[in-house]
Protein backbone atom coordinates (compact mmCIF):
# COMPACT_ATOMS: atom_id res chain seq x y z
CA MET A 1 132.61 67.65 110.23
CA THR A 2 135.39 68.37 112.71
CA PHE A 3 134.63 69.29 116.31
CA SER A 4 135.86 72.87 115.81
CA VAL A 5 133.59 73.32 112.77
CA PHE A 6 130.65 71.91 114.74
CA ILE A 7 131.25 74.36 117.60
CA SER A 8 131.54 77.25 115.13
CA LYS A 9 128.23 76.34 113.44
CA ALA A 10 126.47 75.78 116.77
CA THR A 11 127.65 79.17 118.04
CA ALA A 12 126.48 80.89 114.84
CA PHE A 13 123.11 79.14 115.08
CA LEU A 14 122.49 80.21 118.68
CA MET A 15 123.68 83.77 118.12
CA SER A 16 121.65 84.23 114.92
CA LEU A 17 118.53 82.97 116.67
CA PHE A 18 118.98 85.03 119.85
CA LEU A 19 120.01 88.25 118.09
CA THR A 20 116.99 88.04 115.78
CA LEU A 21 114.50 87.36 118.55
CA ILE A 22 115.59 90.11 120.92
CA PRO A 23 113.17 93.05 120.68
CA TYR A 24 115.61 95.92 120.13
CA ALA A 25 113.72 96.80 116.93
CA GLY A 26 111.03 94.25 117.44
CA ILE A 27 108.19 92.51 115.75
CA SER A 28 105.53 94.90 114.53
CA LEU A 29 101.78 94.45 114.62
CA PRO A 30 100.08 92.15 112.09
CA GLY A 31 98.81 93.35 108.75
CA LEU A 32 100.39 93.63 105.32
CA ASP A 33 100.93 97.06 103.82
CA VAL A 34 103.66 98.90 101.94
CA SER A 35 105.96 101.24 103.84
CA ASP A 36 105.32 104.21 101.52
CA GLU A 37 102.29 105.12 99.40
CA ASN A 38 104.58 105.84 96.41
CA CYS A 39 105.36 102.15 95.93
CA LYS A 40 105.77 101.20 92.25
CA LEU A 41 106.02 97.42 92.67
CA ASN A 42 104.94 95.16 95.55
CA ILE A 43 105.98 91.49 95.47
CA GLU A 44 105.34 88.84 98.14
CA MET A 45 108.15 86.27 98.25
CA ILE A 46 108.31 82.76 99.72
CA SER A 47 110.47 79.73 99.02
CA ASP A 48 110.77 76.05 99.87
CA THR A 49 107.11 75.24 100.45
CA HIS A 50 107.87 71.48 100.17
CA ILE A 51 104.24 70.49 99.76
CA GLU A 52 103.15 66.87 99.30
CA TYR A 53 100.07 65.44 97.64
CA ASN A 54 97.22 65.55 100.17
CA GLY A 55 99.65 66.72 102.87
CA ILE A 56 97.39 68.99 104.86
CA PHE A 57 99.88 70.93 107.00
CA ARG A 58 102.18 72.51 104.40
CA GLN A 59 99.33 73.10 102.00
CA GLY A 60 97.47 74.66 104.92
CA PHE A 61 100.43 76.98 105.51
CA MET A 62 100.23 78.12 101.89
CA LYS A 63 96.49 78.69 102.03
CA GLN A 64 96.81 80.72 105.21
CA GLY A 65 99.68 82.71 103.71
CA PHE A 66 97.57 83.56 100.68
CA ARG A 67 94.71 84.57 102.96
CA THR A 68 97.07 86.93 104.79
CA MET A 69 98.20 88.38 101.46
CA SER A 70 94.59 88.76 100.35
CA ARG A 71 93.95 91.01 103.36
CA SER A 72 96.82 93.34 102.44
CA LYS A 73 95.98 97.04 102.63
CA ALA A 74 98.15 97.59 99.53
CA ASP A 75 97.82 96.05 96.10
CA ILE A 76 100.03 93.01 95.48
CA ASP A 77 101.49 92.84 91.97
CA ALA A 78 102.79 89.26 92.08
CA VAL A 79 103.78 86.39 94.36
CA LEU A 80 107.16 84.69 93.96
CA VAL A 81 107.49 81.03 95.00
CA ASN A 82 111.22 80.49 94.64
CA GLY A 83 111.73 76.75 94.32
CA ASP A 84 111.25 73.45 96.12
CA ILE A 85 107.55 73.76 95.52
CA THR A 86 107.11 70.02 96.06
CA ASN A 87 109.01 67.60 98.22
CA TYR A 88 109.46 64.77 95.71
CA GLY A 89 108.82 66.16 92.23
CA ASP A 90 105.73 64.00 91.70
CA GLU A 91 103.11 65.11 89.19
CA PRO A 92 100.06 64.82 91.51
CA THR A 93 101.65 67.27 93.94
CA LEU A 94 102.65 69.63 91.12
CA ALA A 95 99.08 69.58 89.82
CA GLN A 96 97.76 70.23 93.33
CA TYR A 97 100.12 73.19 93.74
CA TYR A 98 98.72 74.89 90.65
CA GLU A 99 95.16 74.22 91.77
CA LEU A 100 96.05 75.81 95.10
CA ILE A 101 97.56 78.98 93.67
CA LYS A 102 94.73 79.40 91.15
CA GLU A 103 92.17 79.23 93.97
CA PHE A 104 93.91 81.14 96.75
CA SER A 105 96.68 83.42 95.45
CA PRO A 106 95.65 87.10 95.38
CA ALA A 107 98.00 87.87 92.46
CA PRO A 108 99.83 86.16 89.57
CA VAL A 109 102.46 83.70 90.77
CA ILE A 110 106.05 83.40 89.53
CA THR A 111 107.08 79.78 90.09
CA VAL A 112 110.75 78.76 90.14
CA ALA A 113 111.95 75.15 90.03
CA GLY A 114 114.12 73.83 92.86
CA ASN A 115 116.17 70.69 93.42
CA HIS A 116 113.24 68.90 95.10
CA ASP A 117 111.03 69.60 92.08
CA ILE A 118 113.43 67.93 89.66
CA GLY A 119 116.32 66.24 91.44
CA HIS A 120 114.52 64.35 94.21
CA VAL A 121 112.33 62.14 92.04
CA GLY A 122 112.20 58.61 93.41
CA ASP A 123 112.71 59.66 97.02
CA ARG A 124 110.88 57.32 99.41
CA GLY A 125 109.34 55.55 96.42
CA VAL A 126 106.86 58.38 95.83
CA THR A 127 107.49 58.40 92.08
CA ASP A 128 109.53 56.39 89.59
CA ILE A 129 109.93 59.05 86.88
CA THR A 130 113.34 60.27 85.75
CA ARG A 131 114.73 63.74 86.35
CA GLU A 132 114.25 64.51 82.67
CA GLN A 133 110.57 63.59 82.98
CA ALA A 134 110.21 65.70 86.13
CA LEU A 135 111.74 68.65 84.27
CA GLU A 136 109.32 68.17 81.36
CA ASN A 137 106.38 68.04 83.78
CA PHE A 138 107.50 71.21 85.54
CA ILE A 139 107.88 73.16 82.31
CA ARG A 140 104.54 71.87 80.99
CA TYR A 141 102.56 72.83 84.10
CA ARG A 142 104.19 76.24 84.28
CA ASN A 143 103.44 76.85 80.60
CA GLU A 144 99.80 75.93 81.13
CA TYR A 145 99.54 78.38 84.02
CA LEU A 146 101.37 81.22 82.22
CA GLY A 147 99.87 80.58 78.78
CA THR A 148 103.39 80.24 77.31
CA ASP A 149 105.22 77.64 75.25
CA TYR A 150 108.75 77.68 76.69
CA ASP A 151 110.76 74.51 76.08
CA VAL A 152 113.53 75.33 78.58
CA ASN A 153 113.61 75.89 82.35
CA TYR A 154 114.44 79.60 82.17
CA TYR A 155 112.54 82.65 80.96
CA SER A 156 111.86 86.29 81.75
CA THR A 157 108.71 88.25 82.46
CA GLU A 158 107.81 91.85 83.24
CA ILE A 159 105.69 93.07 86.13
CA ASN A 160 104.77 96.78 86.15
CA GLY A 161 107.64 97.34 83.71
CA TYR A 162 110.27 95.62 85.91
CA LYS A 163 112.05 92.56 84.52
CA PHE A 164 112.17 89.27 86.40
CA ILE A 165 114.62 86.65 85.10
CA ILE A 166 113.91 83.08 86.18
CA LEU A 167 116.80 80.59 86.09
CA GLY A 168 116.66 76.82 86.60
CA ASP A 169 118.25 73.40 86.45
CA GLU A 170 118.51 71.87 82.97
CA VAL A 171 119.38 68.29 84.08
CA ILE A 172 122.46 68.18 81.86
CA ASP A 173 123.97 64.67 81.61
CA GLY A 174 121.44 63.37 84.13
CA GLY A 175 121.94 66.22 86.56
CA HIS A 176 122.56 65.91 90.30
CA TRP A 177 119.91 65.41 92.95
CA ASP A 178 120.86 68.57 94.87
CA ALA A 179 122.63 70.84 92.39
CA ILE A 180 121.86 73.00 89.38
CA SER A 181 123.21 72.39 85.87
CA MET A 182 123.23 75.30 83.41
CA SER A 183 123.93 75.42 79.69
CA ASP A 184 125.95 78.10 77.94
CA GLU A 185 122.65 79.14 76.33
CA GLN A 186 121.10 79.86 79.73
CA LEU A 187 124.10 81.94 80.80
CA GLU A 188 123.99 83.88 77.53
CA PHE A 189 120.26 84.40 78.06
CA LEU A 190 120.94 85.82 81.53
CA ASP A 191 123.50 88.25 80.12
CA ARG A 192 121.17 89.46 77.35
CA GLU A 193 118.18 89.88 79.64
CA LEU A 194 120.21 91.82 82.21
CA ALA A 195 121.55 94.15 79.52
CA GLU A 196 118.03 94.83 78.27
CA GLY A 197 116.40 95.14 81.69
CA THR A 198 118.94 97.54 83.19
CA ALA A 199 119.34 99.73 80.07
CA ASP A 200 117.01 102.42 81.45
CA GLY A 201 118.37 102.30 85.00
CA LEU A 202 115.57 100.14 86.42
CA PRO A 203 116.33 97.34 88.87
CA VAL A 204 116.21 93.77 87.54
CA PHE A 205 115.36 90.74 89.68
CA VAL A 206 117.03 87.39 89.01
CA CYS A 207 115.15 84.52 90.65
CA CYS A 208 116.96 81.22 91.13
CA HIS A 209 116.47 78.58 93.81
CA TRP A 210 120.21 78.16 94.36
CA PRO A 211 122.30 80.82 96.13
CA LEU A 212 125.81 81.68 95.00
CA ASP A 213 128.83 80.37 96.85
CA HIS A 214 130.09 82.54 99.74
CA ILE A 215 126.99 84.79 99.80
CA ASN A 216 124.51 85.38 102.69
CA GLY A 217 126.53 83.10 104.98
CA GLU A 218 126.29 80.12 102.63
CA ASP A 219 129.67 78.83 103.84
CA THR A 220 128.34 78.47 107.39
CA VAL A 221 124.73 77.51 106.78
CA TRP A 222 125.22 74.94 104.03
CA ASP A 223 128.71 74.91 102.56
CA GLY A 224 128.67 73.62 98.99
CA SER A 225 124.99 74.37 98.41
CA GLY A 226 125.58 77.32 96.10
CA ILE A 227 126.51 77.95 92.48
CA ALA A 228 130.29 77.89 92.15
CA GLU A 229 131.74 80.68 90.01
CA ASP A 230 134.35 78.40 88.45
CA GLU A 231 131.56 76.12 87.19
CA TYR A 232 128.92 78.67 86.16
CA PRO A 233 130.03 82.35 86.04
CA VAL A 234 126.67 83.72 87.22
CA LYS A 235 128.28 86.10 89.69
CA SER A 236 130.53 87.75 87.13
CA ILE A 237 127.57 88.20 84.75
CA LEU A 238 125.48 89.84 87.49
CA GLU A 239 128.32 92.21 88.36
CA LYS A 240 128.44 93.64 84.84
CA TYR A 241 125.21 95.58 85.44
CA ASP A 242 123.79 98.12 87.90
CA ASN A 243 120.76 97.61 90.14
CA VAL A 244 120.72 93.82 89.96
CA PHE A 245 118.95 91.82 92.67
CA TYR A 246 119.54 88.06 92.97
CA ILE A 247 116.85 86.18 94.93
CA SER A 248 117.47 82.61 96.09
CA GLY A 249 116.22 80.04 98.60
CA HIS A 250 117.47 76.48 99.16
CA MET A 251 119.57 77.02 102.31
CA HIS A 252 116.69 76.84 104.84
CA ALA A 253 118.58 79.67 106.46
CA GLY A 254 115.84 81.56 108.31
CA ILE A 255 115.40 85.30 108.79
CA LYS A 256 118.34 87.00 110.48
CA SER A 257 118.42 90.45 112.04
CA LYS A 258 120.94 93.12 111.09
CA LEU A 259 122.56 92.60 114.48
CA ALA A 260 122.93 88.88 113.76
CA GLU A 261 124.62 89.78 110.48
CA GLU A 262 126.98 92.12 112.28
CA LYS A 263 127.96 89.54 114.91
CA THR A 264 127.91 86.28 112.90
CA GLY A 265 128.30 87.24 109.24
CA LEU A 266 124.99 85.53 108.43
CA SER A 267 122.58 87.69 106.45
CA SER A 268 119.21 87.53 104.73
CA ALA A 269 120.19 90.36 102.38
CA GLU A 270 123.50 91.96 101.49
CA GLN A 271 125.31 93.81 98.70
CA VAL A 272 128.51 92.38 97.23
CA ASN A 273 130.36 94.15 94.40
CA GLY A 274 127.25 96.16 93.58
CA VAL A 275 124.84 93.21 93.39
CA THR A 276 122.15 92.76 96.06
CA TYR A 277 121.69 89.16 97.21
CA ILE A 278 118.55 88.02 99.03
CA THR A 279 118.20 84.51 100.42
CA LEU A 280 114.64 83.64 101.38
CA PRO A 281 113.88 81.43 104.38
CA THR A 282 112.08 78.12 104.17
CA TYR A 283 108.32 78.59 104.21
CA GLY A 284 107.02 75.04 104.64
CA ILE A 285 109.45 73.38 107.06
CA ILE A 286 111.90 74.34 109.78
CA ASN A 287 114.80 76.73 109.21
CA TRP A 288 118.31 76.22 110.54
CA TYR A 289 119.48 79.70 111.53
CA GLY A 290 117.80 82.92 112.63
CA LEU A 291 114.02 82.52 112.93
CA THR A 292 113.50 78.78 112.65
CA HIS A 293 109.71 78.53 112.38
CA SER A 294 107.63 78.05 109.24
CA GLY A 295 105.61 80.68 107.42
CA THR A 296 108.39 83.22 106.94
CA GLY A 297 109.09 85.08 103.71
CA ALA A 298 109.56 88.69 102.67
CA GLN A 299 107.86 91.57 100.91
CA LEU A 300 109.81 93.35 98.19
CA GLU A 301 108.85 96.98 97.55
CA VAL A 302 110.26 99.04 94.68
CA TYR A 303 110.30 102.84 94.75
CA GLU A 304 111.74 105.51 92.48
CA ASN A 305 115.20 105.41 94.04
CA ARG A 306 115.23 102.44 96.38
CA VAL A 307 114.20 98.83 96.96
CA VAL A 308 112.93 97.72 100.37
CA PHE A 309 113.22 94.15 101.70
CA ARG A 310 110.84 93.47 104.61
CA PRO A 311 110.72 89.99 106.20
CA VAL A 312 107.30 88.88 107.38
CA ASN A 313 105.49 85.83 108.69
CA TYR A 314 102.66 85.17 106.25
CA ILE A 315 100.82 82.88 108.64
CA THR A 316 100.61 85.42 111.47
CA GLY A 317 101.11 88.65 109.48
CA ASN A 318 103.91 89.81 111.81
CA TRP A 319 106.70 91.99 110.42
CA TYR A 320 110.32 91.56 111.57
CA LYS A 321 111.45 95.18 111.66
CA ASN A 322 114.95 94.39 112.90
CA SER A 323 115.59 92.37 109.73
CA ALA A 324 114.41 94.90 107.11
CA TYR A 325 116.79 96.48 104.59
CA THR A 326 116.64 99.46 102.24
CA PHE A 327 118.89 99.41 99.17
CA GLU A 328 119.44 102.63 97.24
CA LEU A 329 119.36 102.43 93.45
CA SER A 330 122.19 103.90 91.39
């Protein structure tokens, strides 16, 4: 990293943190609720929990987050945990995660695989399984929880009539510890599911741990962390359809205010060529930009003509009003 690039990143970090913390729109009082009683779908979203077997702190964060959700004044239709569930992809931690969500989650959980769940096997000698074995374990545990028999790391589900498409790494040719590999079959699946889900004008939600290149400030936060269009044409597939929302994690990017987006180009949510991109902050460990502390995620609310994105701290129950977005549906 050159000195000029370092200065640019440091400036963006400080500005994104300061402009999100200043109380021009503020942090609202604790307590989960929807913003309008006509809500048709209410989803709680977190990512990058990075739990470890018998690691009390990050598992404690999840338990407390679920307790906060359980006290919501509004019904919760599902919880999305968008990748990097574990830190090292070991089976004991994966088993513990599913025990945790079965005991504490107030709603069904959509679980997405991240690079730490499949690509980081063998880190620090925690496990000696291969990436292929980690992938098999992840699919097997998710099938047991969902009562399904998928043999691939992608699928779709419906919640209150709204389609959620879950994408994932397929460990093609051994895979890469930090990147996603996708088959032509997965890309064709994405295209078919989007066509079906958007046919009646409803929004569709694509959940994938990896962001896309050049979206939500990816170039600044973690250049090279996203899905490159020339390798996997996910972006061009998304852009074929109306009312598509792409939800990612991975960047440890924190919650940024609208003012931080305006001044630094870093955003938690934005629309590009008709597609809405949401990058969730890290829940279990520190973030790099915007709000750096743990426990942050977002509530997604769907209404007749709009979708609302409302960042929240699930440990404290505090809303970040200056970072909320409303996206009108076409």
